[in-house]
N, C-alpha and C. Protein backbone atom coordinates (compact mmCIF):
# COMPACT_ATOMS: atom_id res chain seq x y z
N MET A 1 -5.49 -86.46 -47.11
CA MET A 1 -6.30 -87.06 -47.94
C MET A 1 -6.67 -88.16 -47.35
N ARG A 2 -8.50 -87.98 -48.09
CA ARG A 2 -8.82 -89.16 -47.26
C ARG A 2 -9.75 -89.86 -48.46
N ILE A 3 -10.02 -90.82 -48.44
CA ILE A 3 -10.60 -91.23 -49.64
C ILE A 3 -12.07 -91.88 -49.20
N SER A 4 -13.52 -91.45 -49.40
CA SER A 4 -14.69 -91.27 -49.02
C SER A 4 -15.09 -92.84 -49.48
N THR A 5 -16.65 -92.97 -48.65
CA THR A 5 -17.09 -94.22 -49.34
C THR A 5 -17.75 -94.51 -50.47
N LYS A 6 -17.59 -93.21 -51.07
CA LYS A 6 -17.85 -92.78 -52.07
C LYS A 6 -16.72 -93.24 -53.11
N GLY A 7 -15.54 -92.88 -53.00
CA GLY A 7 -14.26 -93.02 -53.65
C GLY A 7 -14.11 -95.30 -53.77
N ARG A 8 -14.28 -95.30 -52.09
CA ARG A 8 -14.10 -96.78 -52.15
C ARG A 8 -14.77 -97.78 -52.59
N TYR A 9 -16.50 -97.30 -52.61
CA TYR A 9 -17.44 -97.73 -53.50
C TYR A 9 -17.43 -98.00 -54.91
N ALA A 10 -17.49 -96.86 -55.54
CA ALA A 10 -16.72 -96.98 -56.91
C ALA A 10 -16.16 -97.74 -57.00
N LEU A 11 -14.62 -97.86 -56.25
CA LEU A 11 -14.01 -98.94 -56.68
C LEU A 11 -14.61 -100.54 -56.81
N ARG A 12 -15.14 -100.52 -55.89
CA ARG A 12 -15.80 -102.22 -55.54
C ARG A 12 -16.66 -102.43 -56.79
N VAL A 13 -17.39 -101.15 -57.14
CA VAL A 13 -18.27 -101.26 -58.24
C VAL A 13 -17.50 -102.04 -59.50
N MET A 14 -16.33 -100.88 -59.69
CA MET A 14 -16.22 -101.49 -60.98
C MET A 14 -14.94 -102.84 -60.90
N ILE A 15 -14.81 -103.32 -60.04
CA ILE A 15 -13.90 -104.68 -59.83
C ILE A 15 -15.42 -105.62 -59.51
N ASP A 16 -15.79 -105.70 -59.46
CA ASP A 16 -17.22 -105.98 -59.77
C ASP A 16 -17.97 -106.10 -61.04
N LEU A 17 -17.91 -105.35 -61.34
CA LEU A 17 -18.29 -105.80 -63.20
C LEU A 17 -17.50 -106.56 -63.86
N ALA A 18 -16.10 -105.71 -63.21
CA ALA A 18 -15.00 -106.63 -64.15
C ALA A 18 -14.80 -107.82 -63.56
N SER A 19 -14.80 -108.36 -62.40
CA SER A 19 -15.15 -110.11 -62.13
C SER A 19 -16.20 -110.52 -62.61
N PHE A 20 -17.05 -110.37 -62.86
CA PHE A 20 -19.09 -110.80 -62.83
C PHE A 20 -19.45 -110.60 -63.78
N GLY A 21 -19.14 -109.87 -64.57
CA GLY A 21 -19.63 -109.22 -66.17
C GLY A 21 -19.42 -109.81 -67.10
N ASN A 22 -18.15 -110.01 -67.72
CA ASN A 22 -17.97 -111.10 -68.50
C ASN A 22 -18.83 -110.04 -69.80
N GLY A 23 -18.72 -109.21 -69.76
CA GLY A 23 -19.65 -108.69 -70.92
C GLY A 23 -20.85 -108.33 -71.03
N SER A 24 -21.67 -108.83 -70.04
CA SER A 24 -23.03 -108.81 -69.59
C SER A 24 -23.51 -108.10 -69.24
N PHE A 25 -24.61 -107.49 -69.15
CA PHE A 25 -24.80 -106.17 -67.71
C PHE A 25 -25.26 -106.81 -66.97
N ILE A 26 -25.08 -106.40 -65.74
CA ILE A 26 -25.76 -107.03 -64.52
C ILE A 26 -26.30 -105.80 -63.28
N ALA A 27 -27.42 -106.40 -62.97
CA ALA A 27 -28.54 -105.43 -62.29
C ALA A 27 -27.78 -105.23 -61.02
N LEU A 28 -28.44 -103.86 -60.75
CA LEU A 28 -27.73 -103.16 -59.32
C LEU A 28 -28.18 -103.56 -57.90
N LYS A 29 -29.00 -104.25 -58.31
CA LYS A 29 -29.35 -105.36 -57.01
C LYS A 29 -28.59 -106.49 -56.74
N ASP A 30 -28.13 -106.92 -57.97
CA ASP A 30 -26.82 -108.41 -57.65
C ASP A 30 -25.39 -107.56 -57.26
N ILE A 31 -25.30 -106.68 -58.01
CA ILE A 31 -23.74 -105.54 -56.90
C ILE A 31 -24.45 -105.57 -56.00
N SER A 32 -25.62 -104.51 -55.24
CA SER A 32 -25.55 -104.50 -54.21
C SER A 32 -25.41 -105.24 -53.02
N GLN A 33 -26.00 -106.91 -53.52
CA GLN A 33 -25.97 -107.80 -52.62
C GLN A 33 -24.65 -108.49 -52.21
N ARG A 34 -23.86 -108.44 -53.69
CA ARG A 34 -22.16 -108.66 -53.26
C ARG A 34 -21.88 -108.18 -52.58
N GLN A 35 -21.75 -106.68 -52.79
CA GLN A 35 -20.75 -105.90 -52.20
C GLN A 35 -21.68 -105.05 -50.91
N ASN A 36 -22.79 -105.34 -50.75
CA ASN A 36 -23.27 -104.57 -49.33
C ASN A 36 -23.08 -103.21 -49.82
N ILE A 37 -23.65 -102.68 -50.51
CA ILE A 37 -23.62 -101.31 -50.87
C ILE A 37 -25.07 -101.16 -51.08
N PRO A 38 -25.79 -100.41 -49.94
CA PRO A 38 -27.40 -99.65 -50.67
C PRO A 38 -27.68 -99.18 -52.04
N ILE A 39 -28.37 -99.58 -51.91
CA ILE A 39 -28.86 -99.12 -53.54
C ILE A 39 -28.88 -98.21 -54.31
N LYS A 40 -29.73 -97.40 -53.08
CA LYS A 40 -29.94 -96.42 -53.00
C LYS A 40 -28.37 -95.22 -53.60
N TYR A 41 -27.81 -95.10 -53.10
CA TYR A 41 -26.29 -95.02 -52.84
C TYR A 41 -25.24 -95.76 -53.76
N LEU A 42 -26.04 -96.66 -54.35
CA LEU A 42 -24.97 -96.97 -55.67
C LEU A 42 -25.79 -96.28 -56.70
N GLU A 43 -27.02 -96.29 -57.08
CA GLU A 43 -27.15 -95.45 -58.25
C GLU A 43 -26.73 -94.07 -58.24
N GLN A 44 -26.43 -93.53 -57.00
CA GLN A 44 -25.87 -92.27 -57.50
C GLN A 44 -24.20 -92.69 -58.04
N ILE A 45 -23.48 -93.54 -58.00
CA ILE A 45 -22.45 -93.97 -57.59
C ILE A 45 -22.24 -94.23 -59.08
N VAL A 46 -22.82 -94.91 -59.12
CA VAL A 46 -23.16 -95.37 -60.83
C VAL A 46 -23.64 -94.55 -61.67
N SER A 47 -24.19 -93.47 -61.39
CA SER A 47 -24.93 -92.65 -62.34
C SER A 47 -23.34 -91.69 -62.44
N THR A 48 -22.57 -91.27 -61.80
CA THR A 48 -21.44 -90.96 -62.05
C THR A 48 -20.09 -91.38 -62.67
N LEU A 49 -20.24 -92.53 -62.86
CA LEU A 49 -19.85 -93.64 -63.53
C LEU A 49 -20.30 -93.34 -64.79
N ASN A 50 -21.52 -93.88 -65.14
CA ASN A 50 -22.08 -93.75 -66.37
C ASN A 50 -21.84 -92.12 -67.74
N LYS A 51 -21.86 -91.58 -66.71
CA LYS A 51 -21.31 -90.26 -67.35
C LYS A 51 -20.53 -89.66 -67.82
N ALA A 52 -18.89 -90.36 -66.69
CA ALA A 52 -17.60 -90.61 -67.20
C ALA A 52 -17.73 -91.08 -68.10
N GLY A 53 -18.64 -91.86 -69.21
CA GLY A 53 -18.42 -93.13 -69.85
C GLY A 53 -17.61 -94.00 -69.59
N TYR A 54 -17.80 -94.53 -68.14
CA TYR A 54 -16.70 -95.90 -67.71
C TYR A 54 -17.80 -96.84 -67.85
N LEU A 55 -19.11 -96.61 -67.63
CA LEU A 55 -19.96 -97.89 -67.59
C LEU A 55 -21.06 -97.57 -69.30
N THR A 56 -21.83 -98.87 -69.30
CA THR A 56 -22.73 -98.46 -70.63
C THR A 56 -23.99 -99.54 -69.47
N SER A 57 -24.83 -99.00 -70.12
CA SER A 57 -26.41 -99.16 -69.00
C SER A 57 -27.13 -99.67 -70.15
N MET A 58 -28.35 -100.07 -69.79
CA MET A 58 -29.38 -100.93 -70.63
C MET A 58 -30.19 -100.96 -69.65
N ARG A 59 -31.35 -100.09 -70.43
CA ARG A 59 -32.65 -101.19 -69.52
C ARG A 59 -33.33 -102.20 -70.11
N GLY A 60 -34.61 -102.38 -69.02
CA GLY A 60 -35.16 -103.77 -69.49
C GLY A 60 -34.89 -104.38 -68.36
N SER A 61 -35.76 -106.06 -68.59
CA SER A 61 -35.57 -106.81 -67.75
C SER A 61 -34.25 -107.25 -67.43
N ASN A 62 -33.48 -107.29 -68.81
CA ASN A 62 -32.09 -108.13 -68.79
C ASN A 62 -31.23 -106.93 -68.90
N GLY A 63 -31.59 -105.91 -68.38
CA GLY A 63 -30.27 -104.86 -68.41
C GLY A 63 -29.51 -104.44 -66.79
N GLY A 64 -28.89 -103.20 -66.93
CA GLY A 64 -27.83 -102.88 -65.81
C GLY A 64 -26.35 -102.30 -66.36
N TYR A 65 -25.99 -102.83 -66.01
CA TYR A 65 -24.87 -102.04 -66.74
C TYR A 65 -23.46 -103.03 -66.63
N ARG A 66 -22.65 -102.53 -67.53
CA ARG A 66 -20.76 -102.74 -67.42
C ARG A 66 -20.34 -101.95 -68.48
N LEU A 67 -19.00 -102.73 -67.94
CA LEU A 67 -17.49 -101.89 -68.09
C LEU A 67 -17.80 -101.78 -69.74
N SER A 68 -17.22 -100.45 -70.25
CA SER A 68 -17.64 -99.81 -71.27
C SER A 68 -16.06 -100.35 -72.22
N LYS A 69 -15.25 -100.61 -71.56
CA LYS A 69 -13.85 -101.27 -71.53
C LYS A 69 -13.34 -102.30 -70.90
N SER A 70 -12.38 -102.60 -71.55
CA SER A 70 -11.29 -103.36 -70.68
C SER A 70 -11.05 -103.48 -69.48
N PRO A 71 -11.09 -104.23 -68.52
CA PRO A 71 -10.53 -103.56 -66.89
C PRO A 71 -8.87 -102.98 -67.76
N GLU A 72 -8.57 -103.58 -68.02
CA GLU A 72 -7.23 -103.50 -67.56
C GLU A 72 -6.74 -101.80 -68.45
N GLU A 73 -8.05 -101.48 -69.15
CA GLU A 73 -7.73 -99.84 -69.46
C GLU A 73 -8.32 -98.83 -68.48
N TYR A 74 -8.73 -99.76 -67.63
CA TYR A 74 -9.11 -98.73 -66.76
C TYR A 74 -7.89 -98.33 -65.50
N ASN A 75 -7.75 -97.25 -65.72
CA ASN A 75 -6.61 -96.11 -64.25
C ASN A 75 -7.58 -96.44 -62.86
N VAL A 76 -7.22 -97.12 -61.85
CA VAL A 76 -7.39 -96.83 -60.46
C VAL A 76 -7.54 -95.47 -60.26
N GLY A 77 -6.47 -94.55 -60.75
CA GLY A 77 -6.57 -93.35 -60.32
C GLY A 77 -7.45 -92.56 -61.00
N THR A 78 -7.83 -92.49 -61.71
CA THR A 78 -8.90 -91.90 -63.04
C THR A 78 -10.10 -92.29 -62.32
N VAL A 79 -10.41 -93.29 -61.82
CA VAL A 79 -11.79 -94.02 -61.36
C VAL A 79 -11.74 -93.12 -60.16
N LEU A 80 -10.76 -92.99 -59.09
CA LEU A 80 -10.74 -92.29 -57.88
C LEU A 80 -10.74 -91.17 -58.43
N ARG A 81 -10.07 -90.16 -58.53
CA ARG A 81 -10.20 -89.07 -58.96
C ARG A 81 -11.72 -88.81 -59.67
N THR A 82 -12.29 -88.90 -60.61
CA THR A 82 -13.80 -88.90 -61.45
C THR A 82 -14.66 -88.74 -60.33
N VAL A 83 -14.71 -89.69 -59.02
CA VAL A 83 -16.18 -89.32 -57.82
C VAL A 83 -15.51 -88.83 -56.79
N GLU A 84 -14.30 -88.53 -56.80
CA GLU A 84 -13.69 -87.92 -55.39
C GLU A 84 -13.59 -86.51 -55.66
N GLY A 85 -12.91 -86.37 -56.80
CA GLY A 85 -12.23 -84.95 -57.37
C GLY A 85 -10.67 -84.78 -57.02
N THR A 86 -10.14 -83.95 -56.83
CA THR A 86 -8.74 -83.13 -56.44
C THR A 86 -8.71 -84.92 -55.54
N LEU A 87 -7.18 -85.19 -55.60
CA LEU A 87 -7.13 -85.99 -54.70
C LEU A 87 -5.65 -85.68 -53.60
N THR A 88 -5.21 -84.48 -53.79
CA THR A 88 -4.42 -83.47 -53.33
C THR A 88 -4.47 -83.29 -51.59
N PRO A 89 -3.18 -83.47 -51.00
CA PRO A 89 -3.43 -83.47 -49.66
C PRO A 89 -3.28 -82.27 -49.21
N VAL A 90 -3.32 -81.00 -49.61
CA VAL A 90 -3.44 -79.53 -49.37
C VAL A 90 -3.87 -78.74 -50.77
N GLU A 91 -4.32 -77.57 -50.20
CA GLU A 91 -5.41 -76.87 -51.40
C GLU A 91 -4.01 -76.51 -51.85
N CYS A 92 -2.88 -75.52 -51.52
CA CYS A 92 -2.44 -75.50 -52.35
C CYS A 92 -1.64 -75.93 -53.52
N VAL A 93 -1.77 -77.46 -53.32
CA VAL A 93 -0.92 -77.66 -54.44
C VAL A 93 -1.68 -78.18 -55.74
N ALA A 94 -3.09 -77.68 -55.26
CA ALA A 94 -4.17 -78.32 -56.16
C ALA A 94 -4.37 -76.99 -57.27
N TYR A 95 -3.59 -75.96 -57.22
CA TYR A 95 -4.15 -75.07 -58.06
C TYR A 95 -3.41 -75.59 -59.62
N GLU A 96 -4.27 -74.84 -60.33
CA GLU A 96 -3.68 -75.31 -62.14
C GLU A 96 -3.88 -74.02 -62.78
N ASN A 97 -3.45 -74.96 -64.17
CA ASN A 97 -3.91 -73.44 -65.53
C ASN A 97 -2.67 -72.47 -65.01
N GLY A 98 -1.36 -72.67 -64.44
CA GLY A 98 -0.30 -71.71 -64.41
C GLY A 98 -0.52 -70.84 -62.87
N VAL A 99 -1.68 -71.04 -63.01
CA VAL A 99 -2.13 -70.42 -61.41
C VAL A 99 -1.36 -71.06 -60.00
N THR A 100 -0.41 -70.59 -59.46
CA THR A 100 0.31 -70.63 -57.85
C THR A 100 -0.71 -70.46 -56.36
N CYS A 101 0.13 -71.06 -55.79
CA CYS A 101 -0.47 -70.71 -54.46
C CYS A 101 0.23 -69.01 -54.07
N PRO A 102 -0.17 -68.01 -53.62
CA PRO A 102 0.44 -66.81 -53.23
C PRO A 102 2.04 -66.35 -52.35
N ARG A 103 1.86 -68.27 -51.71
CA ARG A 103 2.62 -67.86 -50.20
C ARG A 103 4.13 -68.85 -51.15
N SER A 104 3.70 -69.20 -52.07
CA SER A 104 4.80 -71.35 -52.81
C SER A 104 5.77 -70.10 -52.86
N ASP A 105 6.03 -68.74 -53.22
CA ASP A 105 7.94 -68.61 -53.05
C ASP A 105 8.32 -68.50 -52.01
N SER A 106 7.65 -68.26 -50.65
CA SER A 106 8.08 -67.85 -49.41
C SER A 106 7.71 -69.19 -48.32
N CYS A 107 7.15 -70.17 -49.38
CA CYS A 107 6.40 -71.46 -48.25
C CYS A 107 7.71 -72.37 -47.88
N ASN A 108 8.09 -72.91 -47.27
CA ASN A 108 9.16 -73.87 -46.53
C ASN A 108 8.56 -75.12 -46.88
N SER A 109 7.58 -75.33 -47.28
CA SER A 109 6.72 -76.75 -47.69
C SER A 109 6.53 -77.44 -48.36
N ILE A 110 6.55 -76.46 -49.25
CA ILE A 110 5.62 -76.50 -50.24
C ILE A 110 5.80 -77.78 -50.95
N ASN A 111 7.03 -77.94 -51.17
CA ASN A 111 8.16 -78.99 -52.06
C ASN A 111 7.09 -80.36 -51.14
N PHE A 112 7.61 -80.54 -49.86
CA PHE A 112 7.21 -81.18 -49.49
C PHE A 112 5.62 -81.82 -49.91
N TRP A 113 4.76 -80.92 -49.82
CA TRP A 113 3.71 -81.18 -50.08
C TRP A 113 3.49 -81.39 -51.79
N LYS A 114 4.10 -81.57 -52.55
CA LYS A 114 4.45 -81.73 -53.61
C LYS A 114 4.78 -82.93 -54.07
N GLY A 115 5.66 -83.34 -53.72
CA GLY A 115 6.37 -84.39 -53.24
C GLY A 115 5.34 -85.90 -52.73
N LEU A 116 4.56 -85.41 -51.83
CA LEU A 116 3.75 -86.10 -51.22
C LEU A 116 2.34 -86.38 -52.04
N ASP A 117 2.60 -85.22 -52.56
CA ASP A 117 1.01 -85.47 -54.46
C ASP A 117 1.85 -86.38 -55.62
N ASP A 118 2.70 -86.13 -55.16
CA ASP A 118 3.35 -87.04 -56.55
C ASP A 118 3.12 -88.73 -56.69
N VAL A 119 4.28 -88.76 -54.76
CA VAL A 119 4.04 -89.94 -54.34
C VAL A 119 2.41 -90.71 -54.80
N VAL A 120 1.44 -90.00 -53.76
CA VAL A 120 0.31 -90.95 -54.20
C VAL A 120 -0.55 -90.95 -55.36
N ASN A 121 -0.42 -89.97 -56.65
CA ASN A 121 -1.23 -90.00 -57.54
C ASN A 121 -0.20 -91.08 -58.80
N LYS A 122 1.27 -91.38 -58.65
CA LYS A 122 1.96 -92.22 -59.27
C LYS A 122 1.83 -93.51 -58.71
N TYR A 123 1.46 -93.65 -56.89
CA TYR A 123 1.06 -94.91 -56.90
C TYR A 123 -0.24 -95.55 -57.86
N ILE A 124 -1.73 -94.50 -56.72
CA ILE A 124 -2.81 -94.99 -57.59
C ILE A 124 -2.85 -95.04 -59.03
N ASP A 125 -2.06 -94.22 -60.15
CA ASP A 125 -2.30 -94.48 -61.18
C ASP A 125 -1.29 -95.91 -61.82
N SER A 126 -0.79 -96.42 -61.04
CA SER A 126 0.23 -97.20 -61.08
C SER A 126 -0.62 -98.99 -61.35
N PHE A 127 -1.56 -98.66 -60.92
CA PHE A 127 -3.18 -99.67 -60.89
C PHE A 127 -4.13 -99.82 -61.65
N THR A 128 -3.95 -100.76 -62.65
CA THR A 128 -5.53 -101.23 -63.34
C THR A 128 -6.74 -101.93 -62.83
N LEU A 129 -7.20 -101.78 -63.24
CA LEU A 129 -8.90 -103.13 -62.70
C LEU A 129 -8.43 -104.39 -62.94
N LYS A 130 -7.91 -104.39 -64.01
CA LYS A 130 -7.32 -105.69 -64.29
C LYS A 130 -6.04 -106.05 -62.42
N ASP A 131 -5.46 -104.99 -62.76
CA ASP A 131 -4.25 -105.06 -61.44
C ASP A 131 -4.86 -105.57 -60.36
N LEU A 132 -6.18 -105.15 -59.75
CA LEU A 132 -6.87 -105.04 -58.74
C LEU A 132 -7.27 -107.18 -58.18
N ILE A 133 -7.99 -107.02 -60.09
CA ILE A 133 -8.07 -108.20 -58.85
C ILE A 133 -7.64 -109.04 -59.74
N GLN A 134 -6.75 -109.17 -60.13
CA GLN A 134 -5.79 -110.53 -60.01
C GLN A 134 -4.97 -110.42 -58.29
N GLN A 135 -4.74 -109.96 -57.96
CA GLN A 135 -4.00 -109.49 -55.97
C GLN A 135 -4.90 -110.75 -55.08
């Protein structure tokens, strides 16, 4: 499992909005400058976060983006999974809705992969944006 730049930048955007927003809208150019993220890439990331309901947007000269909720209500794992998709270390662990890997009955390593997946998800789910700001 590897978190892409999109995931890392999404987290940086959310932290930036939580740190500098104070309920006001922040222009993408300001976030871009502070975080050193190209504006075009930032637009893609913000679009995903906005569609997920994490951000509120406003057009116009005083427009921009702000968090839809308070920082302690955003789970880091949820934010990462929103932009990255699944974070499972191997495909066989990612099966859903009662569907299992066809080899799971005879696979000697399935429990190892499930354990790794549990550890990673518990860790990233144990932090909120507020936690990261306070570090």
